[in-house]
Amino acid sequence: MKVYTFSEARQRLADVLNIARTEEVVIKRRGGESFSIIFRKGEKSPFDVKGIKTKATTKDILNAVKKSREHKGR
């Protein structure tokens, strides 16, 4: 665990964040408050899905969409 004063952390923010990737970093303020910086790996988007291979053409897909919309209108 690395400990920095607020002033040190502010001056070396990029370094502090890089260190936080591998260990906890604590920043202490003059009034005695302490704050921990912990690295969190970003969450994946729900739209980040693996693609599939298909022989469908753009025309096939557009026709399928058109056909599905026609059935909803009934």
C-alpha atoms as a PDB file:
ATOM      1  CA  MET A   1       0.000   0.000   0.000  1.00  0.00           C
ATOM      2  CA  LYS A   2       1.344   3.408  -1.006  1.00  0.00           C
ATOM      3  CA  VAL A   3       0.455   6.547   0.946  1.00  0.00           C
ATOM      4  CA  TYR A   4       0.553  10.059  -0.502  1.00  0.00           C
ATOM      5  CA  THR A   5      -0.348  13.460   0.814  1.00  0.00           C
ATOM      6  CA  PHE A   6      -3.059  15.273  -1.105  1.00  0.00           C
ATOM      7  CA  SER A   7      -0.488  17.628  -2.644  1.00  0.00           C
ATOM      8  CA  GLU A   8       1.785  14.772  -3.760  1.00  0.00           C
ATOM      9  CA  ALA A   9      -1.138  12.863  -5.265  1.00  0.00           C
ATOM     10  CA  ARG A  10      -2.354  15.942  -7.126  1.00  0.00           C
ATOM     11  CA  GLN A  11       1.088  16.587  -8.607  1.00  0.00           C
ATOM     12  CA  ARG A  12       1.619  12.945  -9.590  1.00  0.00           C
ATOM     13  CA  LEU A  13      -1.948  11.873 -10.382  1.00  0.00           C
ATOM     14  CA  ALA A  14      -1.056   9.813 -13.475  1.00  0.00           C
ATOM     15  CA  ASP A  15       1.607   7.909 -11.505  1.00  0.00           C
ATOM     16  CA  VAL A  16      -0.747   7.409  -8.561  1.00  0.00           C
ATOM     17  CA  LEU A  17      -3.427   5.928 -10.840  1.00  0.00           C
ATOM     18  CA  ASN A  18      -0.909   3.605 -12.501  1.00  0.00           C
ATOM     19  CA  ILE A  19       0.281   2.377  -9.102  1.00  0.00           C
ATOM     20  CA  ALA A  20      -3.356   1.813  -8.068  1.00  0.00           C
ATOM     21  CA  ARG A  21      -3.608  -0.787 -10.853  1.00  0.00           C
ATOM     22  CA  THR A  22      -1.462  -3.144  -8.775  1.00  0.00           C
ATOM     23  CA  GLU A  23      -1.936  -2.031  -5.170  1.00  0.00           C
ATOM     24  CA  GLU A  24      -4.075   0.136  -2.951  1.00  0.00           C
ATOM     25  CA  VAL A  25      -3.174   3.814  -2.782  1.00  0.00           C
ATOM     26  CA  VAL A  26      -4.129   6.009   0.175  1.00  0.00           C
ATOM     27  CA  ILE A  27      -4.317   9.782  -0.041  1.00  0.00           C
ATOM     28  CA  LYS A  28      -4.215  11.692   3.238  1.00  0.00           C
ATOM     29  CA  ARG A  29      -5.525  15.208   3.658  1.00  0.00           C
ATOM     30  CA  ARG A  30      -4.251  17.744   6.132  1.00  0.00           C
ATOM     31  CA  GLY A  31      -7.390  17.433   8.295  1.00  0.00           C
ATOM     32  CA  GLY A  32      -6.720  13.731   8.883  1.00  0.00           C
ATOM     33  CA  GLU A  33      -9.119  12.322   6.280  1.00  0.00           C
ATOM     34  CA  SER A  34      -7.887   9.348   4.258  1.00  0.00           C
ATOM     35  CA  PHE A  35      -9.138   8.147   0.887  1.00  0.00           C
ATOM     36  CA  SER A  36      -8.355   4.845  -0.829  1.00  0.00           C
ATOM     37  CA  ILE A  37      -7.924   4.480  -4.551  1.00  0.00           C
ATOM     38  CA  ILE A  38      -8.638   0.991  -5.823  1.00  0.00           C
ATOM     39  CA  PHE A  39      -8.486  -0.065  -9.477  1.00  0.00           C
ATOM     40  CA  ARG A  40     -11.726  -1.377 -10.949  1.00  0.00           C
ATOM     41  CA  LYS A  41     -11.764  -3.120 -14.256  1.00  0.00           C
ATOM     42  CA  GLY A  42     -14.418  -1.703 -16.586  1.00  0.00           C
ATOM     43  CA  GLU A  43     -17.595  -3.659 -17.093  1.00  0.00           C
ATOM     44  CA  LYS A  44     -18.353  -5.055 -20.504  1.00  0.00           C
ATOM     45  CA  SER A  45     -21.157  -3.545 -22.485  1.00  0.00           C
ATOM     46  CA  PRO A  46     -24.245  -5.755 -22.854  1.00  0.00           C
ATOM     47  CA  PHE A  47     -23.922  -5.034 -26.585  1.00  0.00           C
ATOM     48  CA  ASP A  48     -20.402  -6.499 -26.691  1.00  0.00           C
ATOM     49  CA  VAL A  49     -21.398  -9.897 -28.094  1.00  0.00           C
ATOM     50  CA  LYS A  50     -19.496 -12.273 -30.267  1.00  0.00           C
ATOM     51  CA  GLY A  51     -20.539 -12.191 -33.914  1.00  0.00           C
ATOM     52  CA  ILE A  52     -21.823 -15.174 -35.850  1.00  0.00           C
ATOM     53  CA  LYS A  53     -21.130 -16.345 -39.380  1.00  0.00           C
ATOM     54  CA  THR A  54     -24.151 -16.711 -41.656  1.00  0.00           C
ATOM     55  CA  LYS A  55     -24.876 -16.977 -45.339  1.00  0.00           C
ATOM     56  CA  ALA A  56     -27.701 -14.444 -45.028  1.00  0.00           C
ATOM     57  CA  THR A  57     -27.337 -11.416 -47.233  1.00  0.00           C
ATOM     58  CA  THR A  58     -28.337  -7.866 -46.407  1.00  0.00           C
ATOM     59  CA  LYS A  59     -31.352  -8.346 -48.657  1.00  0.00           C
ATOM     60  CA  ASP A  60     -32.370 -11.475 -46.704  1.00  0.00           C
ATOM     61  CA  ILE A  61     -32.145  -9.621 -43.399  1.00  0.00           C
ATOM     62  CA  LEU A  62     -34.086  -6.595 -44.661  1.00  0.00           C
ATOM     63  CA  ASN A  63     -36.810  -8.879 -46.053  1.00  0.00           C
ATOM     64  CA  ALA A  64     -37.047 -10.698 -42.706  1.00  0.00           C
ATOM     65  CA  VAL A  65     -37.375  -7.389 -40.840  1.00  0.00           C
ATOM     66  CA  LYS A  66     -40.021  -6.157 -43.287  1.00  0.00           C
ATOM     67  CA  LYS A  67     -41.980  -9.411 -42.968  1.00  0.00           C
ATOM     68  CA  SER A  68     -41.861  -9.298 -39.145  1.00  0.00           C
ATOM     69  CA  ARG A  69     -43.160  -5.710 -39.157  1.00  0.00           C
ATOM     70  CA  GLU A  70     -46.051  -6.637 -41.441  1.00  0.00           C
ATOM     71  CA  HIS A  71     -47.239  -9.282 -38.946  1.00  0.00           C
ATOM     72  CA  LYS A  72     -47.165  -6.823 -36.032  1.00  0.00           C
ATOM     73  CA  GLY A  73     -49.540  -4.433 -37.805  1.00  0.00           C
ATOM     74  CA  ARG A  74     -52.341  -7.003 -37.964  1.00  0.00           C
END
